[in-house]
Amino acid sequence: MLKTKLILTLGAVVILAGCAGNKDYTLAQTKMRNTQTVKVTDRSIEYRILPQDRLEISLYKDPAQSTEGGGGELGQSMNEKGILVNTAGYVSLPLIGKVKVAGLSQTQAADRITAQYEKYLNTPTVYVEVLNKRIFVLGEVNKPGVVKIDKEKMTLFEAIANAGDLTNSAVRDEIIILSNSPTRGMQMRKVNLTNFDTMKYASLMLRPNDIVYVKPNDWKAFKVASDNYTSPFETITKIAAPFVTLQYLSD
């Protein structure tokens, strides 16, 4: 009788957990149901340098020109680990001092730095690349985490492939992409990967610092919530099992 009551109690808890599980387990929930698209332009794709970015800055100059008295030897690469952009958006460089690069593309930053070096060097050429460009993939993928990129953009399919593909519990018709724009703030897009007819190329484009979140299906949320609710009862059941057995034998 006691065992039956325990089973019935656990069953009721599991049902209640299933009702509440999706609410507590799924991230980035919203009432918005329509998939948004973003117009892709050359300017929107091109990465803009941000404070706290780390830059590779290389200087090429006339090999016949001496740097004596000009602030020391300038190598091809100024720092192997990259130069950090400070919170004000500046980098500090040999010979020319501070240069503001935040808000510029890599090409624009290289041109601005080159213009400063032209005051001291003959025909300098500067190369700039952001070293920490990455995308974050979370949720129902086999290898969630940081995906490093070495280009201006990445497609959603590439990001998922780098994360080891979707799990069997993934919701494939509502992939969430979170982007943060300096001018428009946080934005959300939803992409349906199951319907080619409604798929748009602009929706598949990811930019550095985008967050891709793959939602779990209701059954996965149900299982997680059920485990949270039933684990104390499993412990009670194990403790009570010998007493139930003894009661059964005595009857």
C-alpha atoms as a PDB file:
ATOM      1  CA  MET A   1       0.000   0.000   0.000  1.00  0.00           C
ATOM      2  CA  LEU A   2       2.822   2.369   0.947  1.00  0.00           C
ATOM      3  CA  LYS A   3       4.682   1.600  -2.263  1.00  0.00           C
ATOM      4  CA  THR A   4       1.556   2.292  -4.308  1.00  0.00           C
ATOM      5  CA  LYS A   5       1.120   5.654  -2.613  1.00  0.00           C
ATOM      6  CA  LEU A   6       4.734   6.542  -3.356  1.00  0.00           C
ATOM      7  CA  ILE A   7       4.325   5.649  -7.014  1.00  0.00           C
ATOM      8  CA  LEU A   8       1.155   7.715  -7.288  1.00  0.00           C
ATOM      9  CA  THR A   9       2.853  10.658  -5.580  1.00  0.00           C
ATOM     10  CA  LEU A  10       5.850  10.480  -7.914  1.00  0.00           C
ATOM     11  CA  GLY A  11       3.548  10.291 -10.915  1.00  0.00           C
ATOM     12  CA  ALA A  12       1.705  13.408  -9.819  1.00  0.00           C
ATOM     13  CA  VAL A  13       4.966  15.285  -9.280  1.00  0.00           C
ATOM     14  CA  VAL A  14       6.249  14.267 -12.716  1.00  0.00           C
ATOM     15  CA  ILE A  15       3.065  15.581 -14.341  1.00  0.00           C
ATOM     16  CA  LEU A  16       3.375  18.895 -12.481  1.00  0.00           C
ATOM     17  CA  ALA A  17       7.037  19.128 -13.396  1.00  0.00           C
ATOM     18  CA  GLY A  18       6.183  18.650 -17.039  1.00  0.00           C
ATOM     19  CA  CYS A  19       3.722  21.514 -16.895  1.00  0.00           C
ATOM     20  CA  ALA A  20       6.276  23.888 -15.391  1.00  0.00           C
ATOM     21  CA  GLY A  21       9.439  22.544 -16.969  1.00  0.00           C
ATOM     22  CA  ASN A  22       9.463  24.454 -20.249  1.00  0.00           C
ATOM     23  CA  LYS A  23       8.854  27.756 -18.473  1.00  0.00           C
ATOM     24  CA  ASP A  24      11.887  27.382 -16.222  1.00  0.00           C
ATOM     25  CA  TYR A  25      14.323  25.615 -18.519  1.00  0.00           C
ATOM     26  CA  THR A  26      14.125  27.407 -21.881  1.00  0.00           C
ATOM     27  CA  LEU A  27      16.133  30.628 -22.263  1.00  0.00           C
ATOM     28  CA  ALA A  28      15.255  33.820 -24.154  1.00  0.00           C
ATOM     29  CA  GLN A  29      11.516  33.266 -24.090  1.00  0.00           C
ATOM     30  CA  THR A  30       9.420  35.901 -25.813  1.00  0.00           C
ATOM     31  CA  LYS A  31       5.904  36.462 -27.096  1.00  0.00           C
ATOM     32  CA  MET A  32       7.261  37.342 -30.536  1.00  0.00           C
ATOM     33  CA  ARG A  33       6.565  34.495 -32.942  1.00  0.00           C
ATOM     34  CA  ASN A  34       7.513  35.883 -36.355  1.00  0.00           C
ATOM     35  CA  THR A  35      11.016  35.378 -37.662  1.00  0.00           C
ATOM     36  CA  GLN A  36      12.834  38.665 -38.192  1.00  0.00           C
ATOM     37  CA  THR A  37      15.226  39.300 -41.043  1.00  0.00           C
ATOM     38  CA  VAL A  38      18.072  41.780 -41.194  1.00  0.00           C
ATOM     39  CA  LYS A  39      19.074  43.584 -44.352  1.00  0.00           C
ATOM     40  CA  VAL A  40      22.670  42.675 -45.131  1.00  0.00           C
ATOM     41  CA  THR A  41      24.873  45.464 -46.490  1.00  0.00           C
ATOM     42  CA  ASP A  42      28.641  45.843 -46.824  1.00  0.00           C
ATOM     43  CA  ARG A  43      28.642  48.211 -43.855  1.00  0.00           C
ATOM     44  CA  SER A  44      26.536  45.961 -41.623  1.00  0.00           C
ATOM     45  CA  ILE A  45      28.728  42.928 -42.359  1.00  0.00           C
ATOM     46  CA  GLU A  46      32.067  44.684 -41.858  1.00  0.00           C
ATOM     47  CA  TYR A  47      33.225  44.354 -38.262  1.00  0.00           C
ATOM     48  CA  ARG A  48      33.671  47.510 -36.186  1.00  0.00           C
ATOM     49  CA  ILE A  49      36.387  47.521 -33.546  1.00  0.00           C
ATOM     50  CA  LEU A  50      35.152  47.647 -29.946  1.00  0.00           C
ATOM     51  CA  PRO A  51      36.808  48.560 -26.628  1.00  0.00           C
ATOM     52  CA  GLN A  52      38.517  45.511 -25.096  1.00  0.00           C
ATOM     53  CA  ASP A  53      39.197  44.001 -28.523  1.00  0.00           C
ATOM     54  CA  ARG A  54      42.699  42.693 -29.062  1.00  0.00           C
ATOM     55  CA  LEU A  55      44.346  43.735 -32.340  1.00  0.00           C
ATOM     56  CA  GLU A  56      47.238  42.408 -34.355  1.00  0.00           C
ATOM     57  CA  ILE A  57      48.997  45.489 -35.720  1.00  0.00           C
ATOM     58  CA  SER A  58      51.927  45.042 -38.094  1.00  0.00           C
ATOM     59  CA  LEU A  59      54.024  47.850 -39.535  1.00  0.00           C
ATOM     60  CA  TYR A  60      55.899  47.616 -42.832  1.00  0.00           C
ATOM     61  CA  LYS A  61      58.323  50.415 -43.657  1.00  0.00           C
ATOM     62  CA  ASP A  62      61.163  51.327 -45.969  1.00  0.00           C
ATOM     63  CA  PRO A  63      64.016  48.990 -44.948  1.00  0.00           C
ATOM     64  CA  ALA A  64      66.557  51.666 -45.898  1.00  0.00           C
ATOM     65  CA  GLN A  65      65.158  54.098 -43.338  1.00  0.00           C
ATOM     66  CA  SER A  66      66.859  54.167 -39.958  1.00  0.00           C
ATOM     67  CA  THR A  67      64.744  54.451 -36.826  1.00  0.00           C
ATOM     68  CA  GLU A  68      67.595  55.816 -34.687  1.00  0.00           C
ATOM     69  CA  GLY A  69      66.264  58.546 -32.471  1.00  0.00           C
ATOM     70  CA  GLY A  70      62.755  57.718 -33.515  1.00  0.00           C
ATOM     71  CA  GLY A  71      61.484  55.783 -30.504  1.00  0.00           C
ATOM     72  CA  GLY A  72      63.412  52.532 -30.852  1.00  0.00           C
ATOM     73  CA  GLU A  73      63.293  49.608 -33.245  1.00  0.00           C
ATOM     74  CA  LEU A  74      59.914  48.960 -34.875  1.00  0.00           C
ATOM     75  CA  GLY A  75      59.403  45.338 -35.753  1.00  0.00           C
ATOM     76  CA  GLN A  76      57.002  43.926 -38.296  1.00  0.00           C
ATOM     77  CA  SER A  77      54.578  42.764 -35.586  1.00  0.00           C
ATOM     78  CA  MET A  78      54.243  45.126 -32.618  1.00  0.00           C
ATOM     79  CA  ASN A  79      52.973  42.513 -30.173  1.00  0.00           C
ATOM     80  CA  GLU A  80      52.627  38.787 -30.781  1.00  0.00           C
ATOM     81  CA  LYS A  81      49.728  38.520 -28.322  1.00  0.00           C
ATOM     82  CA  GLY A  82      47.951  41.513 -29.802  1.00  0.00           C
ATOM     83  CA  ILE A  83      47.411  45.061 -28.568  1.00  0.00           C
ATOM     84  CA  LEU A  84      44.418  45.708 -26.328  1.00  0.00           C
ATOM     85  CA  VAL A  85      41.967  48.477 -27.179  1.00  0.00           C
ATOM     86  CA  ASN A  86      41.328  50.333 -23.918  1.00  0.00           C
ATOM     87  CA  THR A  87      37.908  51.253 -22.548  1.00  0.00           C
ATOM     88  CA  ALA A  88      38.111  54.667 -24.240  1.00  0.00           C
ATOM     89  CA  GLY A  89      38.718  53.011 -27.628  1.00  0.00           C
ATOM     90  CA  TYR A  90      42.421  53.842 -28.009  1.00  0.00           C
ATOM     91  CA  VAL A  91      45.550  51.773 -28.674  1.00  0.00           C
ATOM     92  CA  SER A  92      49.016  52.898 -27.624  1.00  0.00           C
ATOM     93  CA  LEU A  93      51.651  52.390 -30.318  1.00  0.00           C
ATOM     94  CA  PRO A  94      55.414  52.996 -30.532  1.00  0.00           C
ATOM     95  CA  LEU A  95      56.511  56.358 -31.890  1.00  0.00           C
ATOM     96  CA  ILE A  96      53.015  57.791 -32.482  1.00  0.00           C
ATOM     97  CA  GLY A  97      51.375  57.207 -29.087  1.00  0.00           C
ATOM     98  CA  LYS A  98      47.603  56.856 -28.672  1.00  0.00           C
ATOM     99  CA  VAL A  99      45.305  56.368 -31.670  1.00  0.00           C
ATOM    100  CA  LYS A 100      41.522  55.971 -31.440  1.00  0.00           C
ATOM    101  CA  VAL A 101      40.315  52.922 -33.362  1.00  0.00           C
ATOM    102  CA  ALA A 102      36.989  51.994 -31.724  1.00  0.00           C
ATOM    103  CA  GLY A 103      34.093  52.228 -34.167  1.00  0.00           C
ATOM    104  CA  LEU A 104      36.350  51.776 -37.191  1.00  0.00           C
ATOM    105  CA  SER A 105      36.614  48.820 -39.528  1.00  0.00           C
ATOM    106  CA  GLN A 106      39.951  47.031 -39.730  1.00  0.00           C
ATOM    107  CA  THR A 107      40.736  48.848 -43.000  1.00  0.00           C
ATOM    108  CA  GLN A 108      39.818  52.250 -41.572  1.00  0.00           C
ATOM    109  CA  ALA A 109      41.931  51.631 -38.466  1.00  0.00           C
ATOM    110  CA  ALA A 110      44.906  50.642 -40.623  1.00  0.00           C
ATOM    111  CA  ASP A 111      44.511  53.814 -42.694  1.00  0.00           C
ATOM    112  CA  ARG A 112      44.326  56.021 -39.586  1.00  0.00           C
ATOM    113  CA  ILE A 113      47.420  54.458 -38.036  1.00  0.00           C
ATOM    114  CA  THR A 114      49.279  54.647 -41.344  1.00  0.00           C
ATOM    115  CA  ALA A 115      48.523  58.377 -41.565  1.00  0.00           C
ATOM    116  CA  GLN A 116      50.093  58.896 -38.143  1.00  0.00           C
ATOM    117  CA  TYR A 117      53.249  56.958 -39.052  1.00  0.00           C
ATOM    118  CA  GLU A 118      53.645  58.919 -42.275  1.00  0.00           C
ATOM    119  CA  LYS A 119      54.684  61.879 -40.121  1.00  0.00           C
ATOM    120  CA  TYR A 120      57.831  59.991 -39.106  1.00  0.00           C
ATOM    121  CA  LEU A 121      58.478  57.240 -41.684  1.00  0.00           C
ATOM    122  CA  ASN A 122      58.760  56.970 -45.446  1.00  0.00           C
ATOM    123  CA  THR A 123      55.973  54.954 -47.136  1.00  0.00           C
ATOM    124  CA  PRO A 124      54.764  53.033 -44.065  1.00  0.00           C
ATOM    125  CA  THR A 125      52.074  50.373 -44.444  1.00  0.00           C
ATOM    126  CA  VAL A 126      50.000  49.106 -41.523  1.00  0.00           C
ATOM    127  CA  TYR A 127      48.055  45.863 -41.260  1.00  0.00           C
ATOM    128  CA  VAL A 128      45.281  45.527 -38.623  1.00  0.00           C
ATOM    129  CA  GLU A 129      43.292  42.446 -37.685  1.00  0.00           C
ATOM    130  CA  VAL A 130      40.974  41.762 -34.747  1.00  0.00           C
ATOM    131  CA  LEU A 131      42.192  38.613 -33.005  1.00  0.00           C
ATOM    132  CA  ASN A 132      39.227  37.901 -30.725  1.00  0.00           C
ATOM    133  CA  LYS A 133      36.365  37.688 -33.214  1.00  0.00           C
ATOM    134  CA  ARG A 134      34.053  34.903 -32.114  1.00  0.00           C
ATOM    135  CA  ILE A 135      30.487  33.650 -31.976  1.00  0.00           C
ATOM    136  CA  PHE A 136      28.813  31.944 -29.028  1.00  0.00           C
ATOM    137  CA  VAL A 137      26.712  28.815 -29.606  1.00  0.00           C
ATOM    138  CA  LEU A 138      24.585  27.609 -26.683  1.00  0.00           C
ATOM    139  CA  GLY A 139      21.794  25.159 -26.013  1.00  0.00           C
ATOM    140  CA  GLU A 140      21.040  21.922 -27.833  1.00  0.00           C
ATOM    141  CA  VAL A 141      24.273  21.419 -29.772  1.00  0.00           C
ATOM    142  CA  ASN A 142      26.821  18.685 -29.173  1.00  0.00           C
ATOM    143  CA  LYS A 143      29.719  21.049 -28.409  1.00  0.00           C
ATOM    144  CA  PRO A 144      28.366  24.346 -27.019  1.00  0.00           C
ATOM    145  CA  GLY A 145      30.846  27.146 -26.491  1.00  0.00           C
ATOM    146  CA  VAL A 146      32.904  29.738 -28.335  1.00  0.00           C
ATOM    147  CA  VAL A 147      33.413  29.474 -32.092  1.00  0.00           C
ATOM    148  CA  LYS A 148      36.367  31.554 -33.267  1.00  0.00           C
ATOM    149  CA  ILE A 149      36.157  33.159 -36.692  1.00  0.00           C
ATOM    150  CA  ASP A 150      38.845  34.702 -38.871  1.00  0.00           C
ATOM    151  CA  LYS A 151      36.581  36.572 -41.275  1.00  0.00           C
ATOM    152  CA  GLU A 152      33.894  39.256 -41.250  1.00  0.00           C
ATOM    153  CA  LYS A 153      30.924  36.904 -41.022  1.00  0.00           C
ATOM    154  CA  MET A 154      29.819  33.301 -40.645  1.00  0.00           C
ATOM    155  CA  THR A 155      26.626  31.524 -41.627  1.00  0.00           C
ATOM    156  CA  LEU A 156      24.378  29.849 -39.086  1.00  0.00           C
ATOM    157  CA  PHE A 157      25.075  26.472 -40.678  1.00  0.00           C
ATOM    158  CA  GLU A 158      28.840  26.991 -40.264  1.00  0.00           C
ATOM    159  CA  ALA A 159      28.405  27.908 -36.598  1.00  0.00           C
ATOM    160  CA  ILE A 160      26.274  24.832 -35.915  1.00  0.00           C
ATOM    161  CA  ALA A 161      28.762  22.622 -37.764  1.00  0.00           C
ATOM    162  CA  ASN A 162      31.596  24.008 -35.601  1.00  0.00           C
ATOM    163  CA  ALA A 163      29.490  23.233 -32.527  1.00  0.00           C
ATOM    164  CA  GLY A 164      29.155  19.568 -33.493  1.00  0.00           C
ATOM    165  CA  ASP A 165      25.651  19.731 -35.040  1.00  0.00           C
ATOM    166  CA  LEU A 166      22.275  19.838 -33.291  1.00  0.00           C
ATOM    167  CA  THR A 167      21.263  17.278 -30.678  1.00  0.00           C
ATOM    168  CA  ASN A 168      18.184  15.103 -31.024  1.00  0.00           C
ATOM    169  CA  SER A 169      16.427  17.357 -28.496  1.00  0.00           C
ATOM    170  CA  ALA A 170      16.921  20.555 -30.519  1.00  0.00           C
ATOM    171  CA  VAL A 171      14.040  22.680 -31.778  1.00  0.00           C
ATOM    172  CA  ARG A 172      14.998  23.092 -35.428  1.00  0.00           C
ATOM    173  CA  ASP A 173      12.279  25.474 -36.538  1.00  0.00           C
ATOM    174  CA  GLU A 174      13.070  28.265 -34.058  1.00  0.00           C
ATOM    175  CA  ILE A 175      16.808  28.899 -33.721  1.00  0.00           C
ATOM    176  CA  ILE A 176      17.380  32.134 -31.769  1.00  0.00           C
ATOM    177  CA  ILE A 177      20.115  34.619 -32.727  1.00  0.00           C
ATOM    178  CA  LEU A 178      20.908  37.494 -30.361  1.00  0.00           C
ATOM    179  CA  SER A 179      22.862  40.484 -31.674  1.00  0.00           C
ATOM    180  CA  ASN A 180      23.902  43.690 -29.924  1.00  0.00           C
ATOM    181  CA  SER A 181      24.041  46.857 -31.992  1.00  0.00           C
ATOM    182  CA  PRO A 182      25.701  50.022 -30.600  1.00  0.00           C
ATOM    183  CA  THR A 183      22.866  52.070 -32.110  1.00  0.00           C
ATOM    184  CA  ARG A 184      19.836  49.739 -31.912  1.00  0.00           C
ATOM    185  CA  GLY A 185      20.651  47.718 -28.790  1.00  0.00           C
ATOM    186  CA  MET A 186      19.846  44.045 -28.299  1.00  0.00           C
ATOM    187  CA  GLN A 187      18.020  42.397 -31.194  1.00  0.00           C
ATOM    188  CA  MET A 188      16.567  38.922 -31.613  1.00  0.00           C
ATOM    189  CA  ARG A 189      16.044  36.863 -34.749  1.00  0.00           C
ATOM    190  CA  LYS A 190      14.382  33.481 -35.120  1.00  0.00           C
ATOM    191  CA  VAL A 191      15.375  31.157 -37.937  1.00  0.00           C
ATOM    192  CA  ASN A 192      13.456  28.113 -39.170  1.00  0.00           C
ATOM    193  CA  LEU A 193      15.954  25.592 -40.531  1.00  0.00           C
ATOM    194  CA  THR A 194      13.273  23.085 -41.514  1.00  0.00           C
ATOM    195  CA  ASN A 195      11.624  25.081 -44.315  1.00  0.00           C
ATOM    196  CA  PHE A 196      13.797  25.983 -47.293  1.00  0.00           C
ATOM    197  CA  ASP A 197      11.011  27.972 -48.973  1.00  0.00           C
ATOM    198  CA  THR A 198      10.868  30.525 -46.149  1.00  0.00           C
ATOM    199  CA  MET A 199      14.618  30.597 -45.484  1.00  0.00           C
ATOM    200  CA  LYS A 200      16.374  33.878 -46.327  1.00  0.00           C
ATOM    201  CA  TYR A 201      20.100  34.354 -46.740  1.00  0.00           C
ATOM    202  CA  ALA A 202      20.090  37.490 -44.574  1.00  0.00           C
ATOM    203  CA  SER A 203      18.656  35.525 -41.649  1.00  0.00           C
ATOM    204  CA  LEU A 204      21.517  33.026 -41.801  1.00  0.00           C
ATOM    205  CA  MET A 205      24.277  35.636 -41.526  1.00  0.00           C
ATOM    206  CA  LEU A 206      26.117  35.852 -38.205  1.00  0.00           C
ATOM    207  CA  ARG A 207      28.535  38.549 -37.143  1.00  0.00           C
ATOM    208  CA  PRO A 208      31.225  38.507 -34.457  1.00  0.00           C
ATOM    209  CA  ASN A 209      29.816  38.484 -30.897  1.00  0.00           C
ATOM    210  CA  ASP A 210      26.438  37.086 -32.003  1.00  0.00           C
ATOM    211  CA  ILE A 211      24.857  34.509 -29.675  1.00  0.00           C
ATOM    212  CA  VAL A 212      23.174  31.459 -31.208  1.00  0.00           C
ATOM    213  CA  TYR A 213      20.778  29.670 -28.876  1.00  0.00           C
ATOM    214  CA  VAL A 214      19.212  26.351 -29.869  1.00  0.00           C
ATOM    215  CA  LYS A 215      16.116  25.727 -27.773  1.00  0.00           C
ATOM    216  CA  PRO A 216      15.299  22.318 -26.247  1.00  0.00           C
ATOM    217  CA  ASN A 217      12.093  20.586 -27.203  1.00  0.00           C
ATOM    218  CA  ASP A 218       9.317  20.186 -24.628  1.00  0.00           C
ATOM    219  CA  TRP A 219      10.307  16.602 -23.849  1.00  0.00           C
ATOM    220  CA  LYS A 220      13.865  17.635 -22.898  1.00  0.00           C
ATOM    221  CA  ALA A 221      12.557  20.416 -20.659  1.00  0.00           C
ATOM    222  CA  PHE A 222      10.091  17.931 -19.150  1.00  0.00           C
ATOM    223  CA  LYS A 223      12.855  15.430 -18.366  1.00  0.00           C
ATOM    224  CA  VAL A 224      15.098  18.047 -16.744  1.00  0.00           C
ATOM    225  CA  ALA A 225      12.258  19.436 -14.646  1.00  0.00           C
ATOM    226  CA  SER A 226      11.119  15.925 -13.710  1.00  0.00           C
ATOM    227  CA  ASP A 227      14.595  15.032 -12.467  1.00  0.00           C
ATOM    228  CA  ASN A 228      14.674  18.159 -10.316  1.00  0.00           C
ATOM    229  CA  TYR A 229      11.323  17.366  -8.720  1.00  0.00           C
ATOM    230  CA  THR A 230      11.621  13.613  -8.365  1.00  0.00           C
ATOM    231  CA  SER A 231      15.196  13.254  -7.085  1.00  0.00           C
ATOM    232  CA  PRO A 232      14.178  13.818  -3.417  1.00  0.00           C
ATOM    233  CA  PHE A 233      11.387  11.265  -3.818  1.00  0.00           C
ATOM    234  CA  GLU A 234      13.798   8.742  -5.341  1.00  0.00           C
ATOM    235  CA  THR A 235      15.926   9.049  -2.198  1.00  0.00           C
ATOM    236  CA  ILE A 236      12.850   8.542   0.004  1.00  0.00           C
ATOM    237  CA  THR A 237      11.830   5.514  -2.079  1.00  0.00           C
ATOM    238  CA  LYS A 238      15.263   3.900  -1.643  1.00  0.00           C
ATOM    239  CA  ILE A 239      15.151   4.472   2.098  1.00  0.00           C
ATOM    240  CA  ALA A 240      11.588   3.160   2.384  1.00  0.00           C
ATOM    241  CA  ALA A 241      12.152   0.114   0.145  1.00  0.00           C
ATOM    242  CA  PRO A 242      13.398  -2.257   2.923  1.00  0.00           C
ATOM    243  CA  PHE A 243      10.444  -1.330   5.155  1.00  0.00           C
ATOM    244  CA  VAL A 244       7.995  -1.933   2.321  1.00  0.00           C
ATOM    245  CA  THR A 245       9.589  -5.350   1.734  1.00  0.00           C
ATOM    246  CA  LEU A 246       9.385  -6.274   5.415  1.00  0.00           C
ATOM    247  CA  GLN A 247       5.735  -5.170   5.561  1.00  0.00           C
ATOM    248  CA  TYR A 248       5.019  -7.304   2.475  1.00  0.00           C
ATOM    249  CA  LEU A 249       6.721 -10.373   4.020  1.00  0.00           C
ATOM    250  CA  SER A 250       4.936  -9.940   7.328  1.00  0.00           C
ATOM    251  CA  ASP A 251       1.592  -9.840   5.533  1.00  0.00           C
END
